[in-house]
Amino acid sequence: MPLCVISTSIFILQFICVMLAPLFGISIQEAYIPYFTNLLNMFMTYYLTLVLTSILIFIIEHKRIKNVSFGKKILAVLVNPFFLFLSIPMEFVALFTKNVNWTCIPHIDTTNFGDLNEGVCKTQEIKTFND
């Protein structure tokens, strides 16, 4: 089972326990402060881990990432974790989906590799190994 599904399930279970705390003589204020502190800690750790991973990818792939301004790189690093947070609900849906079948998606795009190369040649200077 994916880690984010397990950790999200644990926090949902903890939330239920926080709501049931008054039934056992514990004030709800005593119960929810540690809960929300742990929840914030989990999201910040997840966010910072993804930011550091994005920075590492930019460092490793810096030769391949061209024509992207420094500001756009910073924006991509900071926004990428929010994009990846979308995987959590998708993993829950995938976990409880039955009768999953592979369906072929027909692609009718007629663009070939030569057409893509022509677009690159028009927009940027191509360097050869002889230069």
N, C-alpha and C. Protein backbone atom coordinates (compact mmCIF):
# COMPACT_ATOMS: atom_id res chain seq x y z
N MET A 1 0.85 -1.17 0.00
CA MET A 1 0.00 0.00 0.00
C MET A 1 0.89 1.24 0.00
N PRO A 2 0.57 2.23 -0.80
CA PRO A 2 1.41 3.44 -0.86
C PRO A 2 1.48 4.14 0.50
N LEU A 3 2.62 4.73 0.73
CA LEU A 3 2.88 5.38 2.01
C LEU A 3 1.91 6.51 2.30
N CYS A 4 1.57 7.31 1.30
CA CYS A 4 0.67 8.44 1.57
C CYS A 4 -0.73 7.96 1.91
N VAL A 5 -1.17 6.82 1.37
CA VAL A 5 -2.48 6.28 1.73
C VAL A 5 -2.47 5.83 3.18
N ILE A 6 -1.38 5.18 3.60
CA ILE A 6 -1.27 4.72 4.98
C ILE A 6 -1.25 5.91 5.94
N SER A 7 -0.40 6.90 5.66
CA SER A 7 -0.29 8.04 6.58
C SER A 7 -1.57 8.86 6.61
N THR A 8 -2.23 9.02 5.46
CA THR A 8 -3.50 9.76 5.44
C THR A 8 -4.57 9.00 6.22
N SER A 9 -4.59 7.69 6.08
CA SER A 9 -5.55 6.87 6.83
C SER A 9 -5.32 6.99 8.34
N ILE A 10 -4.06 7.03 8.74
CA ILE A 10 -3.74 7.18 10.17
C ILE A 10 -4.23 8.52 10.69
N PHE A 11 -4.04 9.60 9.91
CA PHE A 11 -4.49 10.91 10.37
C PHE A 11 -6.02 11.02 10.39
N ILE A 12 -6.70 10.32 9.49
CA ILE A 12 -8.17 10.30 9.54
C ILE A 12 -8.63 9.56 10.79
N LEU A 13 -7.98 8.44 11.09
CA LEU A 13 -8.31 7.68 12.30
C LEU A 13 -8.03 8.51 13.55
N GLN A 14 -6.92 9.25 13.55
CA GLN A 14 -6.62 10.12 14.69
C GLN A 14 -7.66 11.22 14.83
N PHE A 15 -8.14 11.76 13.72
CA PHE A 15 -9.18 12.79 13.77
C PHE A 15 -10.45 12.24 14.42
N ILE A 16 -10.81 11.02 14.06
CA ILE A 16 -11.98 10.39 14.67
C ILE A 16 -11.77 10.23 16.17
N CYS A 17 -10.56 9.83 16.55
CA CYS A 17 -10.25 9.68 17.99
C CYS A 17 -10.31 11.02 18.72
N VAL A 18 -9.86 12.09 18.07
CA VAL A 18 -9.92 13.43 18.68
C VAL A 18 -11.38 13.83 18.90
N MET A 19 -12.23 13.52 17.94
CA MET A 19 -13.64 13.86 18.08
C MET A 19 -14.33 13.03 19.17
N LEU A 20 -13.82 11.82 19.41
CA LEU A 20 -14.41 10.96 20.44
C LEU A 20 -13.78 11.18 21.82
N ALA A 21 -12.75 12.00 21.91
CA ALA A 21 -12.04 12.23 23.18
C ALA A 21 -12.94 12.69 24.32
N PRO A 22 -13.91 13.58 24.09
CA PRO A 22 -14.77 13.99 25.22
C PRO A 22 -15.56 12.84 25.84
N LEU A 23 -15.82 11.79 25.08
CA LEU A 23 -16.53 10.64 25.64
C LEU A 23 -15.71 9.92 26.69
N PHE A 24 -14.39 10.12 26.65
CA PHE A 24 -13.49 9.44 27.60
C PHE A 24 -12.92 10.41 28.64
N GLY A 25 -13.51 11.58 28.76
CA GLY A 25 -13.11 12.52 29.80
C GLY A 25 -11.93 13.40 29.43
N ILE A 26 -11.52 13.41 28.18
CA ILE A 26 -10.41 14.26 27.73
C ILE A 26 -11.02 15.46 27.01
N SER A 27 -10.56 16.66 27.37
CA SER A 27 -11.11 17.83 26.70
C SER A 27 -10.65 17.84 25.24
N ILE A 28 -11.51 18.37 24.40
CA ILE A 28 -11.19 18.37 22.97
C ILE A 28 -9.99 19.27 22.67
N GLN A 29 -9.77 20.32 23.49
CA GLN A 29 -8.61 21.19 23.29
C GLN A 29 -7.32 20.43 23.54
N GLU A 30 -7.31 19.57 24.56
CA GLU A 30 -6.12 18.77 24.84
C GLU A 30 -5.83 17.79 23.71
N ALA A 31 -6.87 17.36 23.03
CA ALA A 31 -6.70 16.34 22.00
C ALA A 31 -6.36 16.94 20.64
N TYR A 32 -6.97 18.09 20.28
CA TYR A 32 -6.77 18.55 18.92
C TYR A 32 -5.48 19.33 18.71
N ILE A 33 -4.89 19.92 19.74
CA ILE A 33 -3.63 20.66 19.56
C ILE A 33 -2.51 19.73 19.10
N PRO A 34 -2.27 18.60 19.76
CA PRO A 34 -1.23 17.69 19.23
C PRO A 34 -1.58 17.13 17.86
N TYR A 35 -2.88 16.90 17.62
CA TYR A 35 -3.30 16.36 16.32
C TYR A 35 -2.94 17.33 15.20
N PHE A 36 -3.33 18.59 15.34
CA PHE A 36 -3.05 19.56 14.28
C PHE A 36 -1.57 19.88 14.18
N THR A 37 -0.85 19.82 15.29
CA THR A 37 0.61 20.00 15.24
C THR A 37 1.25 18.88 14.44
N ASN A 38 0.84 17.65 14.68
CA ASN A 38 1.38 16.52 13.92
C ASN A 38 0.98 16.59 12.45
N LEU A 39 -0.25 17.01 12.18
CA LEU A 39 -0.71 17.14 10.80
C LEU A 39 0.11 18.19 10.05
N LEU A 40 0.33 19.33 10.68
CA LEU A 40 1.15 20.38 10.07
C LEU A 40 2.58 19.90 9.87
N ASN A 41 3.12 19.19 10.85
CA ASN A 41 4.47 18.65 10.76
C ASN A 41 4.58 17.67 9.58
N MET A 42 3.57 16.82 9.40
CA MET A 42 3.60 15.86 8.30
C MET A 42 3.59 16.57 6.95
N PHE A 43 2.70 17.56 6.79
CA PHE A 43 2.62 18.27 5.51
C PHE A 43 3.88 19.08 5.23
N MET A 44 4.45 19.70 6.24
CA MET A 44 5.68 20.47 6.03
C MET A 44 6.85 19.55 5.67
N THR A 45 6.94 18.40 6.33
CA THR A 45 8.00 17.45 6.01
C THR A 45 7.84 16.94 4.58
N TYR A 46 6.61 16.60 4.20
CA TYR A 46 6.33 16.13 2.85
C TYR A 46 6.67 17.22 1.83
N TYR A 47 6.24 18.45 2.10
CA TYR A 47 6.50 19.56 1.19
C TYR A 47 8.00 19.81 1.04
N LEU A 48 8.72 19.90 2.15
CA LEU A 48 10.16 20.17 2.09
C LEU A 48 10.92 19.04 1.41
N THR A 49 10.51 17.81 1.63
CA THR A 49 11.14 16.68 0.95
C THR A 49 10.95 16.79 -0.56
N LEU A 50 9.76 17.14 -0.99
CA LEU A 50 9.51 17.28 -2.42
C LEU A 50 10.24 18.48 -3.01
N VAL A 51 10.35 19.57 -2.26
CA VAL A 51 11.12 20.74 -2.73
C VAL A 51 12.58 20.36 -2.90
N LEU A 52 13.15 19.69 -1.92
CA LEU A 52 14.56 19.28 -2.01
C LEU A 52 14.77 18.29 -3.16
N THR A 53 13.82 17.40 -3.38
CA THR A 53 13.91 16.48 -4.51
C THR A 53 13.87 17.25 -5.83
N SER A 54 13.00 18.24 -5.93
CA SER A 54 12.92 19.05 -7.15
C SER A 54 14.22 19.82 -7.38
N ILE A 55 14.80 20.37 -6.33
CA ILE A 55 16.07 21.08 -6.46
C ILE A 55 17.16 20.13 -6.93
N LEU A 56 17.19 18.93 -6.37
CA LEU A 56 18.18 17.94 -6.78
C LEU A 56 18.02 17.57 -8.25
N ILE A 57 16.79 17.43 -8.70
CA ILE A 57 16.54 17.12 -10.12
C ILE A 57 17.02 18.26 -11.00
N PHE A 58 16.76 19.50 -10.61
CA PHE A 58 17.24 20.64 -11.39
C PHE A 58 18.77 20.68 -11.42
N ILE A 59 19.42 20.34 -10.33
CA ILE A 59 20.89 20.33 -10.30
C ILE A 59 21.43 19.24 -11.21
N ILE A 60 20.86 18.04 -11.13
CA ILE A 60 21.35 16.93 -11.94
C ILE A 60 21.08 17.16 -13.42
N GLU A 61 19.93 17.70 -13.76
CA GLU A 61 19.51 17.85 -15.15
C GLU A 61 19.73 19.26 -15.70
N HIS A 62 20.61 20.06 -15.08
CA HIS A 62 20.76 21.46 -15.49
C HIS A 62 21.23 21.61 -16.94
N LYS A 63 21.97 20.64 -17.46
CA LYS A 63 22.43 20.74 -18.85
C LYS A 63 21.29 20.52 -19.84
N ARG A 64 20.31 19.76 -19.46
CA ARG A 64 19.18 19.46 -20.35
C ARG A 64 18.07 20.50 -20.25
N ILE A 65 18.02 21.24 -19.17
CA ILE A 65 16.96 22.23 -18.97
C ILE A 65 17.49 23.57 -19.46
N LYS A 66 17.11 23.90 -20.68
CA LYS A 66 17.59 25.14 -21.30
C LYS A 66 16.41 26.07 -21.55
N ASN A 67 16.72 27.31 -21.76
CA ASN A 67 15.72 28.34 -22.10
C ASN A 67 14.62 28.46 -21.05
N VAL A 68 14.96 28.20 -19.79
CA VAL A 68 14.02 28.39 -18.69
C VAL A 68 14.67 29.37 -17.72
N SER A 69 13.97 30.45 -17.45
CA SER A 69 14.55 31.47 -16.57
C SER A 69 14.67 30.95 -15.14
N PHE A 70 15.53 31.60 -14.38
CA PHE A 70 15.75 31.19 -12.99
C PHE A 70 14.47 31.34 -12.17
N GLY A 71 13.71 32.39 -12.45
CA GLY A 71 12.45 32.61 -11.74
C GLY A 71 11.44 31.48 -11.98
N LYS A 72 11.37 31.01 -13.24
CA LYS A 72 10.46 29.91 -13.55
C LYS A 72 10.92 28.61 -12.89
N LYS A 73 12.23 28.44 -12.77
CA LYS A 73 12.74 27.24 -12.09
C LYS A 73 12.36 27.27 -10.61
N ILE A 74 12.52 28.44 -9.98
CA ILE A 74 12.14 28.59 -8.57
C ILE A 74 10.64 28.34 -8.40
N LEU A 75 9.84 28.90 -9.30
CA LEU A 75 8.39 28.70 -9.24
C LEU A 75 8.04 27.22 -9.39
N ALA A 76 8.70 26.54 -10.31
CA ALA A 76 8.45 25.10 -10.51
C ALA A 76 8.81 24.30 -9.27
N VAL A 77 9.92 24.66 -8.63
CA VAL A 77 10.35 23.94 -7.42
C VAL A 77 9.33 24.15 -6.30
N LEU A 78 8.80 25.35 -6.16
CA LEU A 78 7.87 25.64 -5.07
C LEU A 78 6.45 25.12 -5.32
N VAL A 79 6.04 25.02 -6.58
CA VAL A 79 4.68 24.60 -6.91
C VAL A 79 4.59 23.08 -7.13
N ASN A 80 5.69 22.44 -7.50
CA ASN A 80 5.68 21.01 -7.78
C ASN A 80 5.10 20.17 -6.64
N PRO A 81 5.41 20.42 -5.37
CA PRO A 81 4.81 19.61 -4.31
C PRO A 81 3.28 19.68 -4.27
N PHE A 82 2.70 20.84 -4.57
CA PHE A 82 1.24 20.94 -4.59
C PHE A 82 0.66 20.08 -5.70
N PHE A 83 1.35 20.04 -6.84
CA PHE A 83 0.93 19.18 -7.93
C PHE A 83 0.99 17.71 -7.50
N LEU A 84 2.04 17.34 -6.79
CA LEU A 84 2.19 15.96 -6.35
C LEU A 84 1.25 15.60 -5.21
N PHE A 85 0.74 16.60 -4.47
CA PHE A 85 -0.26 16.33 -3.43
C PHE A 85 -1.53 15.74 -4.05
N LEU A 86 -1.75 16.00 -5.34
CA LEU A 86 -2.93 15.47 -6.01
C LEU A 86 -2.90 13.95 -6.11
N SER A 87 -1.73 13.35 -5.92
CA SER A 87 -1.65 11.89 -6.00
C SER A 87 -2.37 11.22 -4.83
N ILE A 88 -2.53 11.91 -3.71
CA ILE A 88 -3.15 11.29 -2.53
C ILE A 88 -4.60 10.88 -2.82
N PRO A 89 -5.47 11.78 -3.31
CA PRO A 89 -6.83 11.32 -3.60
C PRO A 89 -6.88 10.29 -4.73
N MET A 90 -5.98 10.42 -5.70
CA MET A 90 -5.97 9.45 -6.79
C MET A 90 -5.60 8.06 -6.29
N GLU A 91 -4.69 7.98 -5.33
CA GLU A 91 -4.31 6.68 -4.79
C GLU A 91 -5.45 6.06 -3.98
N PHE A 92 -6.22 6.88 -3.28
CA PHE A 92 -7.39 6.35 -2.57
C PHE A 92 -8.42 5.82 -3.56
N VAL A 93 -8.66 6.53 -4.63
CA VAL A 93 -9.61 6.07 -5.65
C VAL A 93 -9.11 4.77 -6.26
N ALA A 94 -7.82 4.71 -6.59
CA ALA A 94 -7.27 3.50 -7.19
C ALA A 94 -7.32 2.32 -6.22
N LEU A 95 -7.18 2.59 -4.94
CA LEU A 95 -7.20 1.52 -3.94
C LEU A 95 -8.56 0.84 -3.87
N PHE A 96 -9.63 1.59 -4.04
CA PHE A 96 -10.97 1.03 -3.88
C PHE A 96 -11.70 0.82 -5.21
N THR A 97 -11.02 0.96 -6.33
CA THR A 97 -11.64 0.74 -7.63
C THR A 97 -11.60 -0.74 -7.97
N LYS A 98 -12.73 -1.28 -8.39
CA LYS A 98 -12.81 -2.68 -8.78
C LYS A 98 -12.94 -2.77 -10.30
N ASN A 99 -12.64 -3.93 -10.81
CA ASN A 99 -12.77 -4.21 -12.24
C ASN A 99 -11.99 -3.22 -13.09
N VAL A 100 -10.72 -3.10 -12.80
CA VAL A 100 -9.86 -2.20 -13.57
C VAL A 100 -9.45 -2.91 -14.85
N ASN A 101 -9.68 -2.28 -15.97
CA ASN A 101 -9.33 -2.85 -17.27
C ASN A 101 -8.44 -1.89 -18.03
N TRP A 102 -7.62 -2.46 -18.86
CA TRP A 102 -6.77 -1.66 -19.73
C TRP A 102 -7.58 -1.29 -20.95
N THR A 103 -7.64 -0.01 -21.27
CA THR A 103 -8.33 0.41 -22.48
C THR A 103 -7.33 1.11 -23.38
N CYS A 104 -7.39 0.76 -24.63
CA CYS A 104 -6.49 1.36 -25.61
C CYS A 104 -7.04 2.74 -25.99
N ILE A 105 -6.17 3.73 -25.98
CA ILE A 105 -6.55 5.08 -26.37
C ILE A 105 -5.93 5.34 -27.74
N PRO A 106 -6.75 5.46 -28.77
CA PRO A 106 -6.18 5.67 -30.11
C PRO A 106 -5.61 7.09 -30.23
N HIS A 107 -4.42 7.16 -30.77
CA HIS A 107 -3.76 8.45 -31.00
C HIS A 107 -3.77 8.73 -32.49
N ILE A 108 -4.32 9.86 -32.88
CA ILE A 108 -4.44 10.16 -34.29
C ILE A 108 -3.60 11.37 -34.69
N ASP A 109 -2.62 11.70 -33.89
CA ASP A 109 -1.73 12.81 -34.21
C ASP A 109 -0.81 12.38 -35.35
N THR A 110 -0.69 13.20 -36.37
CA THR A 110 0.13 12.83 -37.52
C THR A 110 1.51 13.48 -37.49
N THR A 111 1.86 14.12 -36.39
CA THR A 111 3.17 14.75 -36.26
C THR A 111 4.23 13.66 -36.15
N ASN A 112 5.29 13.80 -36.95
CA ASN A 112 6.38 12.83 -36.84
C ASN A 112 7.61 13.52 -36.27
N PHE A 113 8.65 12.76 -36.04
CA PHE A 113 9.85 13.29 -35.42
C PHE A 113 10.51 14.37 -36.28
N GLY A 114 10.45 14.22 -37.58
CA GLY A 114 11.02 15.22 -38.49
C GLY A 114 10.34 16.57 -38.34
N ASP A 115 9.01 16.57 -38.19
CA ASP A 115 8.27 17.82 -37.99
C ASP A 115 8.69 18.49 -36.69
N LEU A 116 8.90 17.70 -35.64
CA LEU A 116 9.34 18.26 -34.36
C LEU A 116 10.73 18.87 -34.50
N ASN A 117 11.61 18.19 -35.23
CA ASN A 117 12.96 18.69 -35.44
C ASN A 117 12.96 20.00 -36.21
N GLU A 118 12.08 20.13 -37.21
CA GLU A 118 12.00 21.37 -37.97
C GLU A 118 11.60 22.53 -37.07
N GLY A 119 10.69 22.30 -36.14
CA GLY A 119 10.28 23.33 -35.21
C GLY A 119 11.42 23.77 -34.32
N VAL A 120 12.26 22.83 -33.89
CA VAL A 120 13.41 23.15 -33.05
C VAL A 120 14.43 23.94 -33.85
N CYS A 121 14.66 23.55 -35.10
CA CYS A 121 15.66 24.24 -35.92
C CYS A 121 15.25 25.69 -36.18
N LYS A 122 13.96 25.96 -36.27
CA LYS A 122 13.50 27.32 -36.52
C LYS A 122 13.61 28.20 -35.27
N THR A 123 13.52 27.61 -34.10
CA THR A 123 13.46 28.41 -32.89
C THR A 123 14.78 28.54 -32.16
N GLN A 124 15.72 27.64 -32.36
CA GLN A 124 16.99 27.76 -31.66
C GLN A 124 18.15 27.32 -32.54
N GLU A 125 19.29 27.77 -32.16
CA GLU A 125 20.49 27.45 -32.90
C GLU A 125 20.94 26.03 -32.53
N ILE A 126 21.19 25.22 -33.55
CA ILE A 126 21.64 23.85 -33.32
C ILE A 126 23.16 23.83 -33.38
N LYS A 127 23.78 23.31 -32.34
CA LYS A 127 25.23 23.20 -32.30
C LYS A 127 25.63 21.80 -32.73
N THR A 128 26.62 21.73 -33.56
CA THR A 128 27.12 20.43 -34.00
C THR A 128 28.40 20.11 -33.28
N PHE A 129 28.84 18.86 -33.39
CA PHE A 129 30.06 18.44 -32.73
C PHE A 129 31.30 18.99 -33.41
N ASN A 130 31.18 19.50 -34.65
CA ASN A 130 32.33 20.01 -35.39
C ASN A 130 32.70 21.43 -34.98
N ASP A 131 31.82 22.13 -34.25
CA ASP A 131 32.09 23.53 -33.89
C ASP A 131 33.23 23.68 -32.94
